[in-house]
C-alpha cells in the first residue's frame, strides 16, 4: 500500500497553481486584462516634446496619465518615485535637476512640459500639440495654464498686471469688473474668464524653464505657485498665460466634457485640479473614461 505522504508534494503543487493561476483566469473570463507596470521613462522617437511628471507613488490616476501620454505619442519621465515628499520646493528642485539633464542631451531650445501627476489627462497627439506651440498667439517661450480662481495663499493677484503689459482683455481694470471676491480681505477671487496662472501645467523651452525654476527657488517661498507669481510679475515679457486654452484647460467645478475637448483647436491636456481625496480621485478616473 502506497503511503499518502508520497502524494503530499503533488497536493502542494496543485494548491499553489490554484492560488496563483485561478485569479488570473477569473479576471480574463470576466473581461479584465492584467496590464504590466507602466514604464517610468518612455521615449517616443517621433515626439518633439518631453513630459515630466512628479509622482512618489503610482496612483490609478497617474497610471491613466502615463497610458494617455503613450497613446498620444509623447516621451515622458516620472520623477520622485519612492522618494519622501519634501513639499513644493522639493518638487521644484526635482524638476530643475531633470531639466538640466534634458538640456545636456537635447539642448536649450528643446521643448519640455511639466504637469501634475495625479489629476491630469492627455487628450491630443504630440505633433498637433507641438504645431500649436510653434504657432502660438504670443512670442513668450513659457506658457502657464490658466484658471479662474485665485486664493492669495497660493496666488499672487498682482499677476493681473500681465494684462496691462500685453494689452489683453482691456487690461486689469476691465477684468476687475467681472471678478467676484470674498473673504475678510477679499483674498479670494473668482473670474468669469480663465486668467490666473496654475503651476499644474507649464510648457516651454528648456532654457527659459530652467530660469523659471531657479528663480522660484530663489524666492524661498514654500508654495511654488505663489513663488512663480513673484517671478512672473518681474518678467511679464517672458511668461505667457494660456488664456485661449489652446494647450491646457483647468477644470474646476465644471467637470463635464466640453465640445472642443478632443478637437484640434481644443486643449491638449485637462487638469482636474483640487481633486485630491480618494473619492475625488475616483471621480477623476470616471471622467477620464469619457475621453478614452
C-alpha atoms as a PDB file:
ATOM      1  CA  UNK A   1       0.000   0.000   0.000  1.00  0.00           C
ATOM      2  CA  UNK A   2       1.397   3.401  -1.072  1.00  0.00           C
ATOM      3  CA  UNK A   3       1.812   5.920   1.715  1.00  0.00           C
ATOM      4  CA  UNK A   4      -0.281   9.095   1.409  1.00  0.00           C
ATOM      5  CA  UNK A   5       2.809  11.135   2.274  1.00  0.00           C
ATOM      6  CA  UNK A   6       4.179  10.357  -1.194  1.00  0.00           C
ATOM      7  CA  UNK A   7       1.350  12.428  -2.709  1.00  0.00           C
ATOM      8  CA  UNK A   8       1.966  15.456  -0.462  1.00  0.00           C
ATOM      9  CA  UNK A   9       4.318  17.313  -2.906  1.00  0.00           C
ATOM     10  CA  UNK A  10       1.739  16.930  -5.694  1.00  0.00           C
ATOM     11  CA  UNK A  11      -1.036  18.222  -3.469  1.00  0.00           C
ATOM     12  CA  UNK A  12       1.057  21.269  -2.520  1.00  0.00           C
ATOM     13  CA  UNK A  13       1.844  21.953  -6.200  1.00  0.00           C
ATOM     14  CA  UNK A  14      -1.847  21.847  -7.116  1.00  0.00           C
ATOM     15  CA  UNK A  15      -2.712  24.255  -4.284  1.00  0.00           C
ATOM     16  CA  UNK A  16      -0.021  26.708  -5.456  1.00  0.00           C
ATOM     17  CA  UNK A  17      -1.255  26.571  -9.048  1.00  0.00           C
ATOM     18  CA  UNK A  18      -4.821  27.195  -7.939  1.00  0.00           C
ATOM     19  CA  UNK A  19      -3.833  30.181  -5.761  1.00  0.00           C
ATOM     20  CA  UNK A  20      -1.652  31.791  -8.476  1.00  0.00           C
ATOM     21  CA  UNK A  21      -3.413  30.936 -11.688  1.00  0.00           C
ATOM     22  CA  UNK A  22      -7.117  30.917 -10.804  1.00  0.00           C
ATOM     23  CA  UNK A  23      -7.435  34.695 -10.099  1.00  0.00           C
ATOM     24  CA  UNK A  24      -5.826  35.467 -13.454  1.00  0.00           C
ATOM     25  CA  UNK A  25      -8.188  33.091 -15.267  1.00  0.00           C
ATOM     26  CA  UNK A  26     -11.159  34.603 -13.445  1.00  0.00           C
ATOM     27  CA  UNK A  27     -10.147  38.136 -14.442  1.00  0.00           C
ATOM     28  CA  UNK A  28      -9.797  37.166 -18.081  1.00  0.00           C
ATOM     29  CA  UNK A  29     -13.135  35.362 -18.055  1.00  0.00           C
ATOM     30  CA  UNK A  30     -14.776  38.447 -16.538  1.00  0.00           C
ATOM     31  CA  UNK A  31     -13.353  40.696 -19.256  1.00  0.00           C
ATOM     32  CA  UNK A  32     -10.451  42.191 -17.287  1.00  0.00           C
ATOM     33  CA  UNK A  33      -6.926  42.413 -18.594  1.00  0.00           C
ATOM     34  CA  UNK A  34      -3.849  42.182 -16.400  1.00  0.00           C
ATOM     35  CA  UNK A  35      -1.655  45.084 -17.514  1.00  0.00           C
ATOM     36  CA  UNK A  36       2.087  45.336 -16.921  1.00  0.00           C
ATOM     37  CA  UNK A  37       3.562  48.040 -14.707  1.00  0.00           C
ATOM     38  CA  UNK A  38       3.860  51.276 -16.710  1.00  0.00           C
ATOM     39  CA  UNK A  39       7.314  52.450 -17.713  1.00  0.00           C
ATOM     40  CA  UNK A  40       8.668  55.296 -15.599  1.00  0.00           C
ATOM     41  CA  UNK A  41      10.710  56.553 -18.564  1.00  0.00           C
ATOM     42  CA  UNK A  42       9.340  56.273 -22.081  1.00  0.00           C
ATOM     43  CA  UNK A  43      10.874  57.622 -25.281  1.00  0.00           C
ATOM     44  CA  UNK A  44       8.858  58.091 -28.442  1.00  0.00           C
ATOM     45  CA  UNK A  45      11.292  58.951 -31.268  1.00  0.00           C
ATOM     46  CA  UNK A  46       8.537  60.851 -33.099  1.00  0.00           C
ATOM     47  CA  UNK A  47       7.749  63.135 -30.144  1.00  0.00           C
ATOM     48  CA  UNK A  48       9.005  66.740 -30.285  1.00  0.00           C
ATOM     49  CA  UNK A  49       8.147  67.236 -26.595  1.00  0.00           C
ATOM     50  CA  UNK A  50       9.150  65.520 -23.357  1.00  0.00           C
ATOM     51  CA  UNK A  51       6.707  65.484 -20.446  1.00  0.00           C
ATOM     52  CA  UNK A  52       7.939  65.437 -16.842  1.00  0.00           C
ATOM     53  CA  UNK A  53       5.670  64.228 -14.037  1.00  0.00           C
ATOM     54  CA  UNK A  54       6.342  64.116 -10.304  1.00  0.00           C
ATOM     55  CA  UNK A  55       4.753  61.147  -8.536  1.00  0.00           C
ATOM     56  CA  UNK A  56       6.116  59.413  -5.437  1.00  0.00           C
ATOM     57  CA  UNK A  57       3.591  56.569  -5.921  1.00  0.00           C
ATOM     58  CA  UNK A  58       1.685  55.393  -8.990  1.00  0.00           C
ATOM     59  CA  UNK A  59      -1.927  56.119  -8.106  1.00  0.00           C
ATOM     60  CA  UNK A  60      -4.546  54.951 -10.632  1.00  0.00           C
ATOM     61  CA  UNK A  61      -4.828  58.494 -11.992  1.00  0.00           C
ATOM     62  CA  UNK A  62      -1.051  58.616 -12.563  1.00  0.00           C
ATOM     63  CA  UNK A  63      -1.208  55.299 -14.411  1.00  0.00           C
ATOM     64  CA  UNK A  64      -4.005  56.696 -16.570  1.00  0.00           C
ATOM     65  CA  UNK A  65      -1.900  59.769 -17.355  1.00  0.00           C
ATOM     66  CA  UNK A  66       1.095  57.665 -18.422  1.00  0.00           C
ATOM     67  CA  UNK A  67      -1.135  55.493 -20.588  1.00  0.00           C
ATOM     68  CA  UNK A  68      -2.619  58.573 -22.249  1.00  0.00           C
ATOM     69  CA  UNK A  69       0.847  60.047 -22.906  1.00  0.00           C
ATOM     70  CA  UNK A  70       1.949  56.852 -24.587  1.00  0.00           C
ATOM     71  CA  UNK A  71      -1.255  56.688 -26.640  1.00  0.00           C
ATOM     72  CA  UNK A  72      -0.743  60.257 -27.859  1.00  0.00           C
ATOM     73  CA  UNK A  73       2.947  59.747 -28.718  1.00  0.00           C
ATOM     74  CA  UNK A  74       4.804  61.709 -26.033  1.00  0.00           C
ATOM     75  CA  UNK A  75       8.136  60.967 -24.439  1.00  0.00           C
ATOM     76  CA  UNK A  76       7.867  61.183 -20.676  1.00  0.00           C
ATOM     77  CA  UNK A  77       9.739  60.691 -17.397  1.00  0.00           C
ATOM     78  CA  UNK A  78       8.353  60.153 -13.901  1.00  0.00           C
ATOM     79  CA  UNK A  79      10.303  61.870 -11.142  1.00  0.00           C
ATOM     80  CA  UNK A  80      10.288  61.218  -7.392  1.00  0.00           C
ATOM     81  CA  UNK A  81       9.161  57.573  -7.324  1.00  0.00           C
ATOM     82  CA  UNK A  82       9.665  56.099  -3.865  1.00  0.00           C
ATOM     83  CA  UNK A  83      11.105  59.357  -2.536  1.00  0.00           C
ATOM     84  CA  UNK A  84       9.728  61.153   0.541  1.00  0.00           C
ATOM     85  CA  UNK A  85       7.569  64.176  -0.270  1.00  0.00           C
ATOM     86  CA  UNK A  86       9.541  67.341   0.548  1.00  0.00           C
ATOM     87  CA  UNK A  87       6.937  69.898  -0.398  1.00  0.00           C
ATOM     88  CA  UNK A  88       6.621  72.089  -3.464  1.00  0.00           C
ATOM     89  CA  UNK A  89      10.206  73.283  -3.065  1.00  0.00           C
ATOM     90  CA  UNK A  90      11.400  69.679  -3.228  1.00  0.00           C
ATOM     91  CA  UNK A  91       9.355  69.104  -6.372  1.00  0.00           C
ATOM     92  CA  UNK A  92      10.804  72.232  -7.990  1.00  0.00           C
ATOM     93  CA  UNK A  93      14.322  71.001  -7.217  1.00  0.00           C
ATOM     94  CA  UNK A  94      13.494  67.652  -8.849  1.00  0.00           C
ATOM     95  CA  UNK A  95      12.078  69.470 -11.878  1.00  0.00           C
ATOM     96  CA  UNK A  96      15.209  71.574 -12.187  1.00  0.00           C
ATOM     97  CA  UNK A  97      17.592  68.618 -11.923  1.00  0.00           C
ATOM     98  CA  UNK A  98      15.664  66.692 -14.586  1.00  0.00           C
ATOM     99  CA  UNK A  99      15.568  69.750 -16.812  1.00  0.00           C
ATOM    100  CA  UNK A 100      19.336  70.198 -16.631  1.00  0.00           C
ATOM    101  CA  UNK A 101      19.795  66.599 -17.738  1.00  0.00           C
ATOM    102  CA  UNK A 102      17.377  67.111 -20.621  1.00  0.00           C
ATOM    103  CA  UNK A 103      19.191  70.306 -21.619  1.00  0.00           C
ATOM    104  CA  UNK A 104      22.528  68.474 -21.665  1.00  0.00           C
ATOM    105  CA  UNK A 105      21.176  65.871 -24.075  1.00  0.00           C
ATOM    106  CA  UNK A 106      18.768  67.903 -26.230  1.00  0.00           C
ATOM    107  CA  UNK A 107      19.974  71.495 -25.998  1.00  0.00           C
ATOM    108  CA  UNK A 108      18.493  74.744 -24.635  1.00  0.00           C
ATOM    109  CA  UNK A 109      15.801  75.093 -27.321  1.00  0.00           C
ATOM    110  CA  UNK A 110      14.197  71.674 -26.684  1.00  0.00           C
ATOM    111  CA  UNK A 111      10.579  71.858 -25.530  1.00  0.00           C
ATOM    112  CA  UNK A 112       9.502  70.361 -22.204  1.00  0.00           C
ATOM    113  CA  UNK A 113       6.198  70.109 -20.397  1.00  0.00           C
ATOM    114  CA  UNK A 114       5.648  69.779 -16.646  1.00  0.00           C
ATOM    115  CA  UNK A 115       2.259  68.500 -15.452  1.00  0.00           C
ATOM    116  CA  UNK A 116       0.796  67.371 -12.134  1.00  0.00           C
ATOM    117  CA  UNK A 117       0.891  63.603 -11.721  1.00  0.00           C
ATOM    118  CA  UNK A 118      -2.459  62.795 -10.125  1.00  0.00           C
ATOM    119  CA  UNK A 119      -5.141  64.907 -11.819  1.00  0.00           C
ATOM    120  CA  UNK A 120      -4.076  65.460 -15.442  1.00  0.00           C
ATOM    121  CA  UNK A 121      -5.009  63.574 -18.621  1.00  0.00           C
ATOM    122  CA  UNK A 122      -3.599  63.955 -22.143  1.00  0.00           C
ATOM    123  CA  UNK A 123      -6.171  64.069 -24.971  1.00  0.00           C
ATOM    124  CA  UNK A 124      -4.183  65.272 -28.011  1.00  0.00           C
ATOM    125  CA  UNK A 125      -1.313  63.872 -30.117  1.00  0.00           C
ATOM    126  CA  UNK A 126       2.109  65.408 -29.574  1.00  0.00           C
ATOM    127  CA  UNK A 127       2.584  66.554 -33.183  1.00  0.00           C
ATOM    128  CA  UNK A 128      -0.672  68.556 -33.126  1.00  0.00           C
ATOM    129  CA  UNK A 129       0.164  70.000 -29.706  1.00  0.00           C
ATOM    130  CA  UNK A 130       3.684  70.971 -30.788  1.00  0.00           C
ATOM    131  CA  UNK A 131       2.437  72.608 -34.009  1.00  0.00           C
ATOM    132  CA  UNK A 132       0.207  74.839 -31.898  1.00  0.00           C
ATOM    133  CA  UNK A 133       3.189  75.753 -29.721  1.00  0.00           C
ATOM    134  CA  UNK A 134       5.196  76.678 -32.819  1.00  0.00           C
ATOM    135  CA  UNK A 135       2.337  78.957 -33.928  1.00  0.00           C
ATOM    136  CA  UNK A 136       1.272  80.275 -30.524  1.00  0.00           C
ATOM    137  CA  UNK A 137      -0.554  83.577 -30.163  1.00  0.00           C
ATOM    138  CA  UNK A 138       2.321  85.381 -28.410  1.00  0.00           C
ATOM    139  CA  UNK A 139       6.108  85.089 -28.551  1.00  0.00           C
ATOM    140  CA  UNK A 140       6.894  84.341 -24.887  1.00  0.00           C
ATOM    141  CA  UNK A 141       8.669  80.956 -24.670  1.00  0.00           C
ATOM    142  CA  UNK A 142       6.994  79.610 -21.494  1.00  0.00           C
ATOM    143  CA  UNK A 143       3.230  79.156 -21.165  1.00  0.00           C
ATOM    144  CA  UNK A 144       1.289  78.596 -17.947  1.00  0.00           C
ATOM    145  CA  UNK A 145      -2.138  77.008 -17.923  1.00  0.00           C
ATOM    146  CA  UNK A 146      -4.872  79.459 -16.914  1.00  0.00           C
ATOM    147  CA  UNK A 147      -7.518  79.045 -14.216  1.00  0.00           C
ATOM    148  CA  UNK A 148     -10.442  81.100 -12.967  1.00  0.00           C
ATOM    149  CA  UNK A 149      -9.741  81.110  -9.225  1.00  0.00           C
ATOM    150  CA  UNK A 150      -7.170  82.893  -7.110  1.00  0.00           C
ATOM    151  CA  UNK A 151      -6.690  82.288  -3.403  1.00  0.00           C
ATOM    152  CA  UNK A 152      -3.996  84.668  -2.173  1.00  0.00           C
ATOM    153  CA  UNK A 153      -2.499  81.886  -0.032  1.00  0.00           C
ATOM    154  CA  UNK A 154      -1.284  80.340  -3.307  1.00  0.00           C
ATOM    155  CA  UNK A 155      -1.813  83.016  -5.949  1.00  0.00           C
ATOM    156  CA  UNK A 156      -0.330  86.493  -6.473  1.00  0.00           C
ATOM    157  CA  UNK A 157      -3.142  88.779  -7.652  1.00  0.00           C
ATOM    158  CA  UNK A 158      -0.553  91.254  -8.986  1.00  0.00           C
ATOM    159  CA  UNK A 159      -0.229  88.838 -11.888  1.00  0.00           C
ATOM    160  CA  UNK A 160      -3.182  90.755 -13.360  1.00  0.00           C
ATOM    161  CA  UNK A 161      -0.613  93.392 -14.331  1.00  0.00           C
ATOM    162  CA  UNK A 162       0.270  90.986 -17.168  1.00  0.00           C
ATOM    163  CA  UNK A 163      -2.953  92.056 -18.888  1.00  0.00           C
ATOM    164  CA  UNK A 164      -1.962  95.730 -18.746  1.00  0.00           C
ATOM    165  CA  UNK A 165       1.533  94.915 -20.012  1.00  0.00           C
ATOM    166  CA  UNK A 166       0.264  92.967 -23.037  1.00  0.00           C
ATOM    167  CA  UNK A 167      -2.973  94.892 -23.629  1.00  0.00           C
ATOM    168  CA  UNK A 168      -5.081  91.746 -23.346  1.00  0.00           C
ATOM    169  CA  UNK A 169      -8.791  91.769 -22.341  1.00  0.00           C
ATOM    170  CA  UNK A 170      -8.613  95.545 -21.960  1.00  0.00           C
ATOM    171  CA  UNK A 171      -6.212  95.270 -19.013  1.00  0.00           C
ATOM    172  CA  UNK A 172      -6.602  94.741 -15.276  1.00  0.00           C
ATOM    173  CA  UNK A 173      -9.304  97.397 -14.732  1.00  0.00           C
ATOM    174  CA  UNK A 174     -11.698  95.691 -17.154  1.00  0.00           C
ATOM    175  CA  UNK A 175     -11.006  92.257 -15.677  1.00  0.00           C
ATOM    176  CA  UNK A 176     -11.722  93.564 -12.168  1.00  0.00           C
ATOM    177  CA  UNK A 177     -15.257  94.447 -13.276  1.00  0.00           C
ATOM    178  CA  UNK A 178     -16.105  90.803 -13.986  1.00  0.00           C
ATOM    179  CA  UNK A 179     -14.470  89.467 -10.825  1.00  0.00           C
ATOM    180  CA  UNK A 180     -16.192  88.155  -7.718  1.00  0.00           C
ATOM    181  CA  UNK A 181     -14.310  88.484  -4.418  1.00  0.00           C
ATOM    182  CA  UNK A 182     -14.970  87.268  -0.879  1.00  0.00           C
ATOM    183  CA  UNK A 183     -13.209  86.904   2.437  1.00  0.00           C
ATOM    184  CA  UNK A 184     -12.339  89.498   5.096  1.00  0.00           C
ATOM    185  CA  UNK A 185      -9.638  90.984   2.880  1.00  0.00           C
ATOM    186  CA  UNK A 186     -11.240  89.992  -0.446  1.00  0.00           C
ATOM    187  CA  UNK A 187      -8.430  87.454  -0.614  1.00  0.00           C
ATOM    188  CA  UNK A 188     -10.485  85.026  -2.702  1.00  0.00           C
ATOM    189  CA  UNK A 189     -11.107  85.914  -6.332  1.00  0.00           C
ATOM    190  CA  UNK A 190     -13.231  84.170  -8.942  1.00  0.00           C
ATOM    191  CA  UNK A 191     -13.120  85.238 -12.570  1.00  0.00           C
ATOM    192  CA  UNK A 192     -15.581  84.511 -15.349  1.00  0.00           C
ATOM    193  CA  UNK A 193     -12.544  84.049 -17.590  1.00  0.00           C
ATOM    194  CA  UNK A 194      -9.514  81.803 -17.059  1.00  0.00           C
ATOM    195  CA  UNK A 195      -6.882  84.444 -16.276  1.00  0.00           C
ATOM    196  CA  UNK A 196      -4.761  83.302 -13.307  1.00  0.00           C
ATOM    197  CA  UNK A 197      -1.715  81.057 -13.709  1.00  0.00           C
ATOM    198  CA  UNK A 198      -1.690  77.461 -12.489  1.00  0.00           C
ATOM    199  CA  UNK A 199       1.569  75.555 -11.884  1.00  0.00           C
ATOM    200  CA  UNK A 200      -0.032  72.203 -12.682  1.00  0.00           C
ATOM    201  CA  UNK A 201       0.641  72.718 -16.390  1.00  0.00           C
ATOM    202  CA  UNK A 202       3.745  74.563 -17.638  1.00  0.00           C
ATOM    203  CA  UNK A 203       5.157  74.337 -21.186  1.00  0.00           C
ATOM    204  CA  UNK A 204       8.210  75.902 -22.772  1.00  0.00           C
ATOM    205  CA  UNK A 205      11.810  75.838 -23.878  1.00  0.00           C
ATOM    206  CA  UNK A 206      14.333  74.181 -21.606  1.00  0.00           C
ATOM    207  CA  UNK A 207      16.456  77.288 -21.175  1.00  0.00           C
ATOM    208  CA  UNK A 208      13.575  79.517 -20.052  1.00  0.00           C
ATOM    209  CA  UNK A 209      12.064  76.827 -17.839  1.00  0.00           C
ATOM    210  CA  UNK A 210      15.454  76.456 -16.176  1.00  0.00           C
ATOM    211  CA  UNK A 211      15.419  80.207 -15.456  1.00  0.00           C
ATOM    212  CA  UNK A 212      11.866  79.933 -14.075  1.00  0.00           C
ATOM    213  CA  UNK A 213      12.619  77.095 -11.645  1.00  0.00           C
ATOM    214  CA  UNK A 214      15.867  78.692 -10.482  1.00  0.00           C
ATOM    215  CA  UNK A 215      14.076  81.975  -9.784  1.00  0.00           C
ATOM    216  CA  UNK A 216      11.242  80.171  -7.972  1.00  0.00           C
ATOM    217  CA  UNK A 217      13.794  78.618  -5.613  1.00  0.00           C
ATOM    218  CA  UNK A 218      15.464  81.999  -5.047  1.00  0.00           C
ATOM    219  CA  UNK A 219      12.215  83.436  -3.652  1.00  0.00           C
ATOM    220  CA  UNK A 220      12.314  80.906  -0.773  1.00  0.00           C
ATOM    221  CA  UNK A 221       8.504  80.890  -0.834  1.00  0.00           C
ATOM    222  CA  UNK A 222       7.264  77.372   0.119  1.00  0.00           C
ATOM    223  CA  UNK A 223       4.275  77.398  -2.258  1.00  0.00           C
ATOM    224  CA  UNK A 224       5.592  77.036  -5.808  1.00  0.00           C
ATOM    225  CA  UNK A 225       2.569  78.697  -7.406  1.00  0.00           C
ATOM    226  CA  UNK A 226       2.873  81.755  -5.170  1.00  0.00           C
ATOM    227  CA  UNK A 227       6.608  81.805  -5.873  1.00  0.00           C
ATOM    228  CA  UNK A 228       6.020  81.542  -9.621  1.00  0.00           C
ATOM    229  CA  UNK A 229       3.719  84.567  -9.383  1.00  0.00           C
ATOM    230  CA  UNK A 230       6.589  86.595  -7.932  1.00  0.00           C
ATOM    231  CA  UNK A 231       8.809  85.562 -10.832  1.00  0.00           C
ATOM    232  CA  UNK A 232       6.158  86.272 -13.471  1.00  0.00           C
ATOM    233  CA  UNK A 233       5.397  89.812 -12.288  1.00  0.00           C
ATOM    234  CA  UNK A 234       9.094  90.614 -12.668  1.00  0.00           C
ATOM    235  CA  UNK A 235       9.197  89.085 -16.157  1.00  0.00           C
ATOM    236  CA  UNK A 236       5.931  89.820 -17.980  1.00  0.00           C
ATOM    237  CA  UNK A 237       7.830  89.723 -21.283  1.00  0.00           C
ATOM    238  CA  UNK A 238       8.994  86.125 -20.706  1.00  0.00           C
ATOM    239  CA  UNK A 239       5.938  84.211 -19.485  1.00  0.00           C
ATOM    240  CA  UNK A 240       2.664  83.648 -21.280  1.00  0.00           C
ATOM    241  CA  UNK A 241      -0.759  82.623 -19.926  1.00  0.00           C
ATOM    242  CA  UNK A 242      -2.846  80.213 -21.979  1.00  0.00           C
ATOM    243  CA  UNK A 243      -5.996  82.342 -21.836  1.00  0.00           C
ATOM    244  CA  UNK A 244      -7.212  80.799 -25.111  1.00  0.00           C
ATOM    245  CA  UNK A 245      -6.944  77.314 -23.562  1.00  0.00           C
ATOM    246  CA  UNK A 246      -5.182  76.089 -26.685  1.00  0.00           C
ATOM    247  CA  UNK A 247      -2.878  73.885 -24.639  1.00  0.00           C
ATOM    248  CA  UNK A 248      -4.410  73.329 -21.210  1.00  0.00           C
ATOM    249  CA  UNK A 249      -7.770  73.501 -19.510  1.00  0.00           C
ATOM    250  CA  UNK A 250      -8.005  73.681 -15.742  1.00  0.00           C
ATOM    251  CA  UNK A 251     -11.329  72.050 -14.872  1.00  0.00           C
ATOM    252  CA  UNK A 252     -12.714  73.060 -11.509  1.00  0.00           C
ATOM    253  CA  UNK A 253     -16.404  72.839 -10.548  1.00  0.00           C
ATOM    254  CA  UNK A 254     -17.428  72.442 -14.212  1.00  0.00           C
ATOM    255  CA  UNK A 255     -16.094  68.956 -14.911  1.00  0.00           C
ATOM    256  CA  UNK A 256     -18.213  67.733 -17.812  1.00  0.00           C
ATOM    257  CA  UNK A 257     -16.692  67.216 -21.247  1.00  0.00           C
ATOM    258  CA  UNK A 258     -16.867  70.306 -23.479  1.00  0.00           C
ATOM    259  CA  UNK A 259     -17.344  70.256 -27.284  1.00  0.00           C
ATOM    260  CA  UNK A 260     -13.771  71.302 -28.156  1.00  0.00           C
ATOM    261  CA  UNK A 261     -12.141  68.701 -25.883  1.00  0.00           C
ATOM    262  CA  UNK A 262     -10.834  66.225 -28.413  1.00  0.00           C
ATOM    263  CA  UNK A 263     -10.809  68.691 -31.335  1.00  0.00           C
ATOM    264  CA  UNK A 264      -7.579  70.021 -32.862  1.00  0.00           C
ATOM    265  CA  UNK A 265      -8.488  73.545 -31.756  1.00  0.00           C
ATOM    266  CA  UNK A 266      -9.113  72.445 -28.179  1.00  0.00           C
ATOM    267  CA  UNK A 267      -6.722  71.854 -25.267  1.00  0.00           C
ATOM    268  CA  UNK A 268      -4.213  69.017 -25.330  1.00  0.00           C
ATOM    269  CA  UNK A 269      -4.258  68.424 -21.560  1.00  0.00           C
ATOM    270  CA  UNK A 270      -7.009  68.595 -18.966  1.00  0.00           C
ATOM    271  CA  UNK A 271      -6.191  69.369 -15.340  1.00  0.00           C
ATOM    272  CA  UNK A 272      -8.904  68.359 -12.843  1.00  0.00           C
ATOM    273  CA  UNK A 273      -7.280  70.357 -10.089  1.00  0.00           C
ATOM    274  CA  UNK A 274      -8.346  70.366  -6.442  1.00  0.00           C
ATOM    275  CA  UNK A 275      -9.422  66.700  -6.768  1.00  0.00           C
ATOM    276  CA  UNK A 276      -7.221  65.131  -4.100  1.00  0.00           C
ATOM    277  CA  UNK A 277      -9.314  62.864  -1.823  1.00  0.00           C
ATOM    278  CA  UNK A 278      -9.825  59.174  -2.642  1.00  0.00           C
ATOM    279  CA  UNK A 279     -13.445  59.867  -3.584  1.00  0.00           C
ATOM    280  CA  UNK A 280     -12.428  62.776  -5.824  1.00  0.00           C
ATOM    281  CA  UNK A 281      -9.688  60.696  -7.422  1.00  0.00           C
ATOM    282  CA  UNK A 282     -12.242  58.007  -8.249  1.00  0.00           C
ATOM    283  CA  UNK A 283     -14.392  60.717  -9.836  1.00  0.00           C
ATOM    284  CA  UNK A 284     -11.415  61.917 -11.896  1.00  0.00           C
ATOM    285  CA  UNK A 285     -10.910  58.387 -13.224  1.00  0.00           C
ATOM    286  CA  UNK A 286     -14.567  58.210 -14.188  1.00  0.00           C
ATOM    287  CA  UNK A 287     -14.165  61.496 -16.039  1.00  0.00           C
ATOM    288  CA  UNK A 288     -11.056  60.175 -17.835  1.00  0.00           C
ATOM    289  CA  UNK A 289     -13.115  57.351 -19.340  1.00  0.00           C
ATOM    290  CA  UNK A 290     -15.151  59.949 -21.214  1.00  0.00           C
ATOM    291  CA  UNK A 291     -12.038  60.851 -23.189  1.00  0.00           C
ATOM    292  CA  UNK A 292     -10.779  57.319 -23.767  1.00  0.00           C
END
